[in-house]
Amino acid sequence: MSQSASIWVVIVLALLAANLPFATERLFALLPLRGPKSLTLRLLELVALYLLVGGFGLLLERRAGQIAPQGWEFYAITGTLFLTFAFPGFVWRYLYRRHA
């Protein structure tokens, strides 16, 4: 896989993973829960998915060659980008008014 394709795979995966906690009442879309998920649980799931997508990106970077060192700035930017990707799912779950 080319480097450009790897970048796009990580971006699309991050977009899907960021919206997953808001799209379903199951934990990680796999494990059923007894009641509805709270916002706290959704945010914890969001952090776990951020780490999972970051690990996948690191794996792709390792396959491409030498891993570039990252400082705190890298994690601040990718974290805010992941939260920005999660915004449509948050709006759909908490702000969108459904007409009955």
PDB file of N, CA and C in Angstrom:
ATOM      1  N   MET A   1       0.844  -1.169   0.000  1.00  0.00           N
ATOM      2  CA  MET A   1       0.000   0.000   0.000  1.00  0.00           C
ATOM      3  C   MET A   1       0.892   1.235   0.000  1.00  0.00           C
ATOM      4  N   SER A   2       0.547   2.211  -0.828  1.00  0.00           N
ATOM      5  CA  SER A   2       1.360   3.422  -0.901  1.00  0.00           C
ATOM      6  C   SER A   2       1.153   4.280   0.344  1.00  0.00           C
ATOM      7  N   GLN A   3       2.055   5.221   0.540  1.00  0.00           N
ATOM      8  CA  GLN A   3       1.972   6.084   1.713  1.00  0.00           C
ATOM      9  C   GLN A   3       0.718   6.963   1.658  1.00  0.00           C
ATOM     10  N   SER A   4       0.377   7.432   0.494  1.00  0.00           N
ATOM     11  CA  SER A   4      -0.821   8.253   0.333  1.00  0.00           C
ATOM     12  C   SER A   4      -2.077   7.448   0.659  1.00  0.00           C
ATOM     13  N   ALA A   5      -2.139   6.225   0.203  1.00  0.00           N
ATOM     14  CA  ALA A   5      -3.290   5.366   0.503  1.00  0.00           C
ATOM     15  C   ALA A   5      -3.375   5.074   1.995  1.00  0.00           C
ATOM     16  N   SER A   6      -2.232   4.864   2.638  1.00  0.00           N
ATOM     17  CA  SER A   6      -2.219   4.612   4.085  1.00  0.00           C
ATOM     18  C   SER A   6      -2.774   5.801   4.854  1.00  0.00           C
ATOM     19  N   ILE A   7      -2.425   7.002   4.425  1.00  0.00           N
ATOM     20  CA  ILE A   7      -2.917   8.210   5.087  1.00  0.00           C
ATOM     21  C   ILE A   7      -4.430   8.294   4.971  1.00  0.00           C
ATOM     22  N   TRP A   8      -4.961   8.034   3.773  1.00  0.00           N
ATOM     23  CA  TRP A   8      -6.399   8.108   3.581  1.00  0.00           C
ATOM     24  C   TRP A   8      -7.127   7.014   4.347  1.00  0.00           C
ATOM     25  N   VAL A   9      -6.541   5.845   4.463  1.00  0.00           N
ATOM     26  CA  VAL A   9      -7.151   4.765   5.246  1.00  0.00           C
ATOM     27  C   VAL A   9      -7.262   5.175   6.703  1.00  0.00           C
ATOM     28  N   VAL A  10      -6.217   5.786   7.250  1.00  0.00           N
ATOM     29  CA  VAL A  10      -6.245   6.216   8.650  1.00  0.00           C
ATOM     30  C   VAL A  10      -7.271   7.332   8.845  1.00  0.00           C
ATOM     31  N   ILE A  11      -7.370   8.259   7.911  1.00  0.00           N
ATOM     32  CA  ILE A  11      -8.339   9.349   8.038  1.00  0.00           C
ATOM     33  C   ILE A  11      -9.773   8.820   8.001  1.00  0.00           C
ATOM     34  N   VAL A  12     -10.070   7.937   7.071  1.00  0.00           N
ATOM     35  CA  VAL A  12     -11.424   7.379   6.980  1.00  0.00           C
ATOM     36  C   VAL A  12     -11.730   6.524   8.204  1.00  0.00           C
ATOM     37  N   LEU A  13     -10.770   5.737   8.658  1.00  0.00           N
ATOM     38  CA  LEU A  13     -10.958   4.931   9.860  1.00  0.00           C
ATOM     39  C   LEU A  13     -11.197   5.817  11.082  1.00  0.00           C
ATOM     40  N   ALA A  14     -10.473   6.917  11.188  1.00  0.00           N
ATOM     41  CA  ALA A  14     -10.669   7.841  12.306  1.00  0.00           C
ATOM     42  C   ALA A  14     -12.051   8.478  12.248  1.00  0.00           C
ATOM     43  N   LEU A  15     -12.519   8.829  11.064  1.00  0.00           N
ATOM     44  CA  LEU A  15     -13.846   9.424  10.919  1.00  0.00           C
ATOM     45  C   LEU A  15     -14.932   8.439  11.346  1.00  0.00           C
ATOM     46  N   LEU A  16     -14.808   7.200  10.946  1.00  0.00           N
ATOM     47  CA  LEU A  16     -15.785   6.184  11.335  1.00  0.00           C
ATOM     48  C   LEU A  16     -15.713   5.874  12.825  1.00  0.00           C
ATOM     49  N   ALA A  17     -14.493   5.722  13.351  1.00  0.00           N
ATOM     50  CA  ALA A  17     -14.323   5.388  14.761  1.00  0.00           C
ATOM     51  C   ALA A  17     -14.772   6.515  15.675  1.00  0.00           C
ATOM     52  N   ALA A  18     -14.595   7.764  15.258  1.00  0.00           N
ATOM     53  CA  ALA A  18     -14.986   8.893  16.098  1.00  0.00           C
ATOM     54  C   ALA A  18     -16.501   8.981  16.244  1.00  0.00           C
ATOM     55  N   ASN A  19     -17.237   8.543  15.254  1.00  0.00           N
ATOM     56  CA  ASN A  19     -18.699   8.610  15.310  1.00  0.00           C
ATOM     57  C   ASN A  19     -19.336   7.338  15.854  1.00  0.00           C
ATOM     58  N   LEU A  20     -18.587   6.275  15.982  1.00  0.00           N
ATOM     59  CA  LEU A  20     -19.115   4.998  16.448  1.00  0.00           C
ATOM     60  C   LEU A  20     -19.747   5.065  17.837  1.00  0.00           C
ATOM     61  N   PRO A  21     -19.150   5.731  18.832  1.00  0.00           N
ATOM     62  CA  PRO A  21     -19.790   5.756  20.153  1.00  0.00           C
ATOM     63  C   PRO A  21     -21.171   6.410  20.157  1.00  0.00           C
ATOM     64  N   PHE A  22     -21.429   7.311  19.230  1.00  0.00           N
ATOM     65  CA  PHE A  22     -22.702   8.014  19.193  1.00  0.00           C
ATOM     66  C   PHE A  22     -23.722   7.333  18.289  1.00  0.00           C
ATOM     67  N   ALA A  23     -23.299   6.382  17.502  1.00  0.00           N
ATOM     68  CA  ALA A  23     -24.177   5.733  16.530  1.00  0.00           C
ATOM     69  C   ALA A  23     -24.904   4.522  17.093  1.00  0.00           C
ATOM     70  N   THR A  24     -24.421   3.951  18.170  1.00  0.00           N
ATOM     71  CA  THR A  24     -25.007   2.718  18.682  1.00  0.00           C
ATOM     72  C   THR A  24     -25.026   2.725  20.212  1.00  0.00           C
ATOM     73  N   GLU A  25     -25.934   1.940  20.773  1.00  0.00           N
ATOM     74  CA  GLU A  25     -26.015   1.793  22.231  1.00  0.00           C
ATOM     75  C   GLU A  25     -25.143   0.640  22.737  1.00  0.00           C
ATOM     76  N   ARG A  26     -24.488  -0.060  21.829  1.00  0.00           N
ATOM     77  CA  ARG A  26     -23.594  -1.151  22.231  1.00  0.00           C
ATOM     78  C   ARG A  26     -22.197  -0.610  22.492  1.00  0.00           C
ATOM     79  N   LEU A  27     -21.482  -1.255  23.388  1.00  0.00           N
ATOM     80  CA  LEU A  27     -20.115  -0.861  23.697  1.00  0.00           C
ATOM     81  C   LEU A  27     -19.202  -1.335  22.577  1.00  0.00           C
ATOM     82  N   PHE A  28     -18.506  -0.410  21.933  1.00  0.00           N
ATOM     83  CA  PHE A  28     -17.643  -0.682  20.784  1.00  0.00           C
ATOM     84  C   PHE A  28     -18.409  -1.371  19.653  1.00  0.00           C
ATOM     85  N   ALA A  29     -19.710  -1.127  19.589  1.00  0.00           N
ATOM     86  CA  ALA A  29     -20.617  -1.693  18.581  1.00  0.00           C
ATOM     87  C   ALA A  29     -20.670  -3.219  18.636  1.00  0.00           C
ATOM     88  N   LEU A  30     -20.177  -3.811  19.710  1.00  0.00           N
ATOM     89  CA  LEU A  30     -20.160  -5.269  19.838  1.00  0.00           C
ATOM     90  C   LEU A  30     -20.893  -5.779  21.063  1.00  0.00           C
ATOM     91  N   LEU A  31     -20.626  -5.179  22.213  1.00  0.00           N
ATOM     92  CA  LEU A  31     -21.131  -5.696  23.483  1.00  0.00           C
ATOM     93  C   LEU A  31     -22.426  -5.005  23.889  1.00  0.00           C
ATOM     94  N   PRO A  32     -23.511  -5.761  24.030  1.00  0.00           N
ATOM     95  CA  PRO A  32     -24.772  -5.131  24.445  1.00  0.00           C
ATOM     96  C   PRO A  32     -24.705  -4.705  25.919  1.00  0.00           C
ATOM     97  N   LEU A  33     -25.370  -3.606  26.224  1.00  0.00           N
ATOM     98  CA  LEU A  33     -25.436  -3.102  27.587  1.00  0.00           C
ATOM     99  C   LEU A  33     -26.866  -3.235  28.097  1.00  0.00           C
ATOM    100  N   ARG A  34     -27.033  -3.187  29.405  1.00  0.00           N
ATOM    101  CA  ARG A  34     -28.383  -3.333  29.974  1.00  0.00           C
ATOM    102  C   ARG A  34     -29.231  -2.089  29.761  1.00  0.00           C
ATOM    103  N   GLY A  35     -28.607  -0.937  29.830  1.00  0.00           N
ATOM    104  CA  GLY A  35     -29.339   0.310  29.654  1.00  0.00           C
ATOM    105  C   GLY A  35     -28.665   1.171  28.612  1.00  0.00           C
ATOM    106  N   PRO A  36     -29.169   2.383  28.445  1.00  0.00           N
ATOM    107  CA  PRO A  36     -28.525   3.278  27.478  1.00  0.00           C
ATOM    108  C   PRO A  36     -27.156   3.743  27.969  1.00  0.00           C
ATOM    109  N   LYS A  37     -26.286   4.035  27.022  1.00  0.00           N
ATOM    110  CA  LYS A  37     -24.941   4.504  27.366  1.00  0.00           C
ATOM    111  C   LYS A  37     -25.007   5.948  27.842  1.00  0.00           C
ATOM    112  N   SER A  38     -24.246   6.244  28.876  1.00  0.00           N
ATOM    113  CA  SER A  38     -24.155   7.623  29.352  1.00  0.00           C
ATOM    114  C   SER A  38     -23.125   8.380  28.513  1.00  0.00           C
ATOM    115  N   LEU A  39     -23.144   9.698  28.643  1.00  0.00           N
ATOM    116  CA  LEU A  39     -22.168  10.511  27.917  1.00  0.00           C
ATOM    117  C   LEU A  39     -20.751  10.181  28.371  1.00  0.00           C
ATOM    118  N   THR A  40     -20.572   9.914  29.656  1.00  0.00           N
ATOM    119  CA  THR A  40     -19.254   9.559  30.185  1.00  0.00           C
ATOM    120  C   THR A  40     -18.724   8.282  29.531  1.00  0.00           C
ATOM    121  N   LEU A  41     -19.570   7.297  29.413  1.00  0.00           N
ATOM    122  CA  LEU A  41     -19.155   6.042  28.780  1.00  0.00           C
ATOM    123  C   LEU A  41     -18.847   6.259  27.303  1.00  0.00           C
ATOM    124  N   ARG A  42     -19.617   7.110  26.643  1.00  0.00           N
ATOM    125  CA  ARG A  42     -19.351   7.413  25.233  1.00  0.00           C
ATOM    126  C   ARG A  42     -18.000   8.116  25.071  1.00  0.00           C
ATOM    127  N   LEU A  43     -17.677   9.027  25.989  1.00  0.00           N
ATOM    128  CA  LEU A  43     -16.391   9.726  25.908  1.00  0.00           C
ATOM    129  C   LEU A  43     -15.222   8.790  26.203  1.00  0.00           C
ATOM    130  N   LEU A  44     -15.393   7.871  27.152  1.00  0.00           N
ATOM    131  CA  LEU A  44     -14.342   6.880  27.420  1.00  0.00           C
ATOM    132  C   LEU A  44     -14.144   5.969  26.212  1.00  0.00           C
ATOM    133  N   GLU A  45     -15.231   5.596  25.574  1.00  0.00           N
ATOM    134  CA  GLU A  45     -15.143   4.788  24.356  1.00  0.00           C
ATOM    135  C   GLU A  45     -14.446   5.575  23.248  1.00  0.00           C
ATOM    136  N   LEU A  46     -14.706   6.881  23.176  1.00  0.00           N
ATOM    137  CA  LEU A  46     -14.067   7.741  22.192  1.00  0.00           C
ATOM    138  C   LEU A  46     -12.552   7.781  22.402  1.00  0.00           C
ATOM    139  N   VAL A  47     -12.114   7.875  23.657  1.00  0.00           N
ATOM    140  CA  VAL A  47     -10.678   7.884  23.960  1.00  0.00           C
ATOM    141  C   VAL A  47     -10.050   6.543  23.577  1.00  0.00           C
ATOM    142  N   ALA A  48     -10.736   5.452  23.909  1.00  0.00           N
ATOM    143  CA  ALA A  48     -10.205   4.128  23.570  1.00  0.00           C
ATOM    144  C   ALA A  48     -10.095   3.951  22.055  1.00  0.00           C
ATOM    145  N   LEU A  49     -11.074   4.439  21.320  1.00  0.00           N
ATOM    146  CA  LEU A  49     -11.021   4.325  19.864  1.00  0.00           C
ATOM    147  C   LEU A  49      -9.945   5.231  19.275  1.00  0.00           C
ATOM    148  N   TYR A  50      -9.702   6.395  19.905  1.00  0.00           N
ATOM    149  CA  TYR A  50      -8.605   7.269  19.473  1.00  0.00           C
ATOM    150  C   TYR A  50      -7.270   6.533  19.610  1.00  0.00           C
ATOM    151  N   LEU A  51      -7.087   5.854  20.723  1.00  0.00           N
ATOM    152  CA  LEU A  51      -5.845   5.102  20.932  1.00  0.00           C
ATOM    153  C   LEU A  51      -5.732   3.938  19.955  1.00  0.00           C
ATOM    154  N   LEU A  52      -6.844   3.289  19.668  1.00  0.00           N
ATOM    155  CA  LEU A  52      -6.841   2.166  18.727  1.00  0.00           C
ATOM    156  C   LEU A  52      -6.491   2.631  17.309  1.00  0.00           C
ATOM    157  N   VAL A  53      -7.092   3.721  16.865  1.00  0.00           N
ATOM    158  CA  VAL A  53      -6.789   4.251  15.528  1.00  0.00           C
ATOM    159  C   VAL A  53      -5.346   4.754  15.490  1.00  0.00           C
ATOM    160  N   GLY A  54      -4.893   5.384  16.568  1.00  0.00           N
ATOM    161  CA  GLY A  54      -3.497   5.829  16.628  1.00  0.00           C
ATOM    162  C   GLY A  54      -2.526   4.665  16.551  1.00  0.00           C
ATOM    163  N   GLY A  55      -2.855   3.559  17.216  1.00  0.00           N
ATOM    164  CA  GLY A  55      -2.015   2.367  17.126  1.00  0.00           C
ATOM    165  C   GLY A  55      -1.985   1.789  15.729  1.00  0.00           C
ATOM    166  N   PHE A  56      -3.131   1.819  15.046  1.00  0.00           N
ATOM    167  CA  PHE A  56      -3.172   1.346  13.661  1.00  0.00           C
ATOM    168  C   PHE A  56      -2.332   2.244  12.762  1.00  0.00           C
ATOM    169  N   GLY A  57      -2.417   3.548  12.978  1.00  0.00           N
ATOM    170  CA  GLY A  57      -1.593   4.481  12.207  1.00  0.00           C
ATOM    171  C   GLY A  57      -0.112   4.262  12.457  1.00  0.00           C
ATOM    172  N   LEU A  58       0.243   3.979  13.708  1.00  0.00           N
ATOM    173  CA  LEU A  58       1.632   3.684  14.052  1.00  0.00           C
ATOM    174  C   LEU A  58       2.109   2.411  13.366  1.00  0.00           C
ATOM    175  N   LEU A  59       1.240   1.423  13.299  1.00  0.00           N
ATOM    176  CA  LEU A  59       1.576   0.177  12.600  1.00  0.00           C
ATOM    177  C   LEU A  59       1.834   0.432  11.114  1.00  0.00           C
ATOM    178  N   LEU A  60       0.980   1.233  10.491  1.00  0.00           N
ATOM    179  CA  LEU A  60       1.188   1.556   9.076  1.00  0.00           C
ATOM    180  C   LEU A  60       2.470   2.358   8.874  1.00  0.00           C
ATOM    181  N   GLU A  61       2.766   3.270   9.808  1.00  0.00           N
ATOM    182  CA  GLU A  61       3.994   4.051   9.694  1.00  0.00           C
ATOM    183  C   GLU A  61       5.233   3.164   9.862  1.00  0.00           C
ATOM    184  N   ARG A  62       5.141   2.200  10.756  1.00  0.00           N
ATOM    185  CA  ARG A  62       6.258   1.267  10.960  1.00  0.00           C
ATOM    186  C   ARG A  62       6.498   0.432   9.712  1.00  0.00           C
ATOM    187  N   ARG A  63       5.422   0.028   9.038  1.00  0.00           N
ATOM    188  CA  ARG A  63       5.570  -0.750   7.802  1.00  0.00           C
ATOM    189  C   ARG A  63       6.175   0.082   6.678  1.00  0.00           C
ATOM    190  N   ALA A  64       5.923   1.406   6.703  1.00  0.00           N
ATOM    191  CA  ALA A  64       6.423   2.281   5.638  1.00  0.00           C
ATOM    192  C   ALA A  64       7.894   2.623   5.811  1.00  0.00           C
ATOM    193  N   GLY A  65       8.385   2.539   7.025  1.00  0.00           N
ATOM    194  CA  GLY A  65       9.789   2.890   7.250  1.00  0.00           C
ATOM    195  C   GLY A  65      10.011   3.321   8.686  1.00  0.00           C
ATOM    196  N   GLN A  66      10.916   4.250   8.859  1.00  0.00           N
ATOM    197  CA  GLN A  66      11.274   4.716  10.189  1.00  0.00           C
ATOM    198  C   GLN A  66      10.150   5.569  10.789  1.00  0.00           C
ATOM    199  N   ILE A  67       9.885   5.372  12.072  1.00  0.00           N
ATOM    200  CA  ILE A  67       8.846   6.111  12.763  1.00  0.00           C
ATOM    201  C   ILE A  67       9.390   7.475  13.175  1.00  0.00           C
ATOM    202  N   ALA A  68       8.673   8.531  12.800  1.00  0.00           N
ATOM    203  CA  ALA A  68       9.092   9.888  13.155  1.00  0.00           C
ATOM    204  C   ALA A  68       8.736  10.165  14.616  1.00  0.00           C
ATOM    205  N   PRO A  69       9.628  10.806  15.356  1.00  0.00           N
ATOM    206  CA  PRO A  69       9.320  11.114  16.761  1.00  0.00           C
ATOM    207  C   PRO A  69       8.243  12.198  16.849  1.00  0.00           C
ATOM    208  N   GLN A  70       7.306  12.041  17.790  1.00  0.00           N
ATOM    209  CA  GLN A  70       6.248  13.011  17.997  1.00  0.00           C
ATOM    210  C   GLN A  70       6.327  13.567  19.412  1.00  0.00           C
ATOM    211  N   GLY A  71       6.055  14.854  19.533  1.00  0.00           N
ATOM    212  CA  GLY A  71       5.968  15.501  20.832  1.00  0.00           C
ATOM    213  C   GLY A  71       4.514  15.666  21.238  1.00  0.00           C
ATOM    214  N   TRP A  72       4.286  16.436  22.276  1.00  0.00           N
ATOM    215  CA  TRP A  72       2.929  16.628  22.768  1.00  0.00           C
ATOM    216  C   TRP A  72       2.061  17.347  21.749  1.00  0.00           C
ATOM    217  N   GLU A  73       2.673  18.145  20.885  1.00  0.00           N
ATOM    218  CA  GLU A  73       1.910  18.879  19.881  1.00  0.00           C
ATOM    219  C   GLU A  73       1.169  17.945  18.930  1.00  0.00           C
ATOM    220  N   PHE A  74       1.834  16.852  18.552  1.00  0.00           N
ATOM    221  CA  PHE A  74       1.224  15.879  17.653  1.00  0.00           C
ATOM    222  C   PHE A  74      -0.040  15.294  18.271  1.00  0.00           C
ATOM    223  N   TYR A  75       0.030  14.917  19.547  1.00  0.00           N
ATOM    224  CA  TYR A  75      -1.117  14.311  20.217  1.00  0.00           C
ATOM    225  C   TYR A  75      -2.216  15.328  20.468  1.00  0.00           C
ATOM    226  N   ALA A  76      -1.863  16.585  20.715  1.00  0.00           N
ATOM    227  CA  ALA A  76      -2.877  17.630  20.875  1.00  0.00           C
ATOM    228  C   ALA A  76      -3.635  17.855  19.571  1.00  0.00           C
ATOM    229  N   ILE A  77      -2.922  17.900  18.468  1.00  0.00           N
ATOM    230  CA  ILE A  77      -3.566  18.121  17.173  1.00  0.00           C
ATOM    231  C   ILE A  77      -4.410  16.919  16.762  1.00  0.00           C
ATOM    232  N   THR A  78      -3.879  15.716  16.889  1.00  0.00           N
ATOM    233  CA  THR A  78      -4.654  14.545  16.478  1.00  0.00           C
ATOM    234  C   THR A  78      -5.861  14.336  17.394  1.00  0.00           C
ATOM    235  N   GLY A  79      -5.718  14.657  18.673  1.00  0.00           N
ATOM    236  CA  GLY A  79      -6.856  14.545  19.591  1.00  0.00           C
ATOM    237  C   GLY A  79      -7.973  15.512  19.237  1.00  0.00           C
ATOM    238  N   THR A  80      -7.613  16.754  18.927  1.00  0.00           N
ATOM    239  CA  THR A  80      -8.644  17.718  18.547  1.00  0.00           C
ATOM    240  C   THR A  80      -9.239  17.380  17.180  1.00  0.00           C
ATOM    241  N   LEU A  81      -8.439  16.833  16.281  1.00  0.00           N
ATOM    242  CA  LEU A  81      -8.971  16.397  14.993  1.00  0.00           C
ATOM    243  C   LEU A  81      -9.963  15.251  15.189  1.00  0.00           C
ATOM    244  N   PHE A  82      -9.652  14.320  16.078  1.00  0.00           N
ATOM    245  CA  PHE A  82     -10.549  13.209  16.357  1.00  0.00           C
ATOM    246  C   PHE A  82     -11.854  13.714  16.967  1.00  0.00           C
ATOM    247  N   LEU A  83     -11.775  14.705  17.870  1.00  0.00           N
ATOM    248  CA  LEU A  83     -12.990  15.296  18.436  1.00  0.00           C
ATOM    249  C   LEU A  83     -13.806  16.023  17.366  1.00  0.00           C
ATOM    250  N   THR A  84     -13.122  16.672  16.442  1.00  0.00           N
ATOM    251  CA  THR A  84     -13.821  17.335  15.342  1.00  0.00           C
ATOM    252  C   THR A  84     -14.520  16.308  14.457  1.00  0.00           C
ATOM    253  N   PHE A  85     -13.875  15.195  14.218  1.00  0.00           N
ATOM    254  CA  PHE A  85     -14.510  14.120  13.454  1.00  0.00           C
ATOM    255  C   PHE A  85     -15.743  13.577  14.183  1.00  0.00           C
ATOM    256  N   ALA A  86     -15.747  13.610  15.525  1.00  0.00           N
ATOM    257  CA  ALA A  86     -16.851  13.070  16.317  1.00  0.00           C
ATOM    258  C   ALA A  86     -18.045  14.019  16.381  1.00  0.00           C
ATOM    259  N   PHE A  87     -17.885  15.245  15.938  1.00  0.00           N
ATOM    260  CA  PHE A  87     -18.947  16.240  16.070  1.00  0.00           C
ATOM    261  C   PHE A  87     -20.255  15.844  15.381  1.00  0.00           C
ATOM    262  N   PRO A  88     -20.248  15.317  14.147  1.00  0.00           N
ATOM    263  CA  PRO A  88     -21.532  14.926  13.533  1.00  0.00           C
ATOM    264  C   PRO A  88     -22.291  13.876  14.348  1.00  0.00           C
ATOM    265  N   GLY A  89     -21.591  12.904  14.897  1.00  0.00           N
ATOM    266  CA  GLY A  89     -22.246  11.886  15.713  1.00  0.00           C
ATOM    267  C   GLY A  89     -22.813  12.471  17.001  1.00  0.00           C
ATOM    268  N   PHE A  90     -22.086  13.393  17.619  1.00  0.00           N
ATOM    269  CA  PHE A  90     -22.563  14.055  18.836  1.00  0.00           C
ATOM    270  C   PHE A  90     -23.816  14.870  18.546  1.00  0.00           C
ATOM    271  N   VAL A  91     -23.801  15.610  17.450  1.00  0.00           N
ATOM    272  CA  VAL A  91     -24.969  16.419  17.078  1.00  0.00           C
ATOM    273  C   VAL A  91     -26.160  15.515  16.815  1.00  0.00           C
ATOM    274  N   TRP A  92     -25.951  14.435  16.091  1.00  0.00           N
ATOM    275  CA  TRP A  92     -27.047  13.519  15.785  1.00  0.00           C
ATOM    276  C   TRP A  92     -27.627  12.904  17.061  1.00  0.00           C
ATOM    277  N   ARG A  93     -26.781  12.552  18.004  1.00  0.00           N
ATOM    278  CA  ARG A  93     -27.239  11.885  19.220  1.00  0.00           C
ATOM    279  C   ARG A  93     -27.883  12.855  20.216  1.00  0.00           C
ATOM    280  N   TYR A  94     -27.295  14.033  20.417  1.00  0.00           N
ATOM    281  CA  TYR A  94     -27.734  14.898  21.510  1.00  0.00           C
ATOM    282  C   TYR A  94     -28.426  16.187  21.086  1.00  0.00           C
ATOM    283  N   LEU A  95     -28.203  16.699  19.901  1.00  0.00           N
ATOM    284  CA  LEU A  95     -28.752  17.996  19.535  1.00  0.00           C
ATOM    285  C   LEU A  95     -29.844  17.955  18.478  1.00  0.00           C
ATOM    286  N   TYR A  96     -29.881  16.905  17.683  1.00  0.00           N
ATOM    287  CA  TYR A  96     -30.860  16.796  16.617  1.00  0.00           C
ATOM    288  C   TYR A  96     -32.235  16.498  17.206  1.00  0.00           C
ATOM    289  N   ARG A  97     -33.217  17.297  16.827  1.00  0.00           N
ATOM    290  CA  ARG A  97     -34.594  17.096  17.315  1.00  0.00           C
ATOM    291  C   ARG A  97     -35.330  16.142  16.381  1.00  0.00           C
ATOM    292  N   ARG A  98     -35.743  15.020  16.919  1.00  0.00           N
ATOM    293  CA  ARG A  98     -36.486  14.050  16.116  1.00  0.00           C
ATOM    294  C   ARG A  98     -37.974  14.363  16.237  1.00  0.00           C
ATOM    295  N   HIS A  99     -38.639  14.457  15.113  1.00  0.00           N
ATOM    296  CA  HIS A  99     -40.073  14.738  15.117  1.00  0.00           C
ATOM    297  C   HIS A  99     -40.829  13.429  15.200  1.00  0.00           C
ATOM    298  N   ALA A 100     -41.742  13.345  16.151  1.00  0.00           N
ATOM    299  CA  ALA A 100     -42.500  12.113  16.355  1.00  0.00           C
ATOM    300  C   ALA A 100     -43.790  12.094  15.576  1.00  0.00           C
TER     301      ALA A 100
END
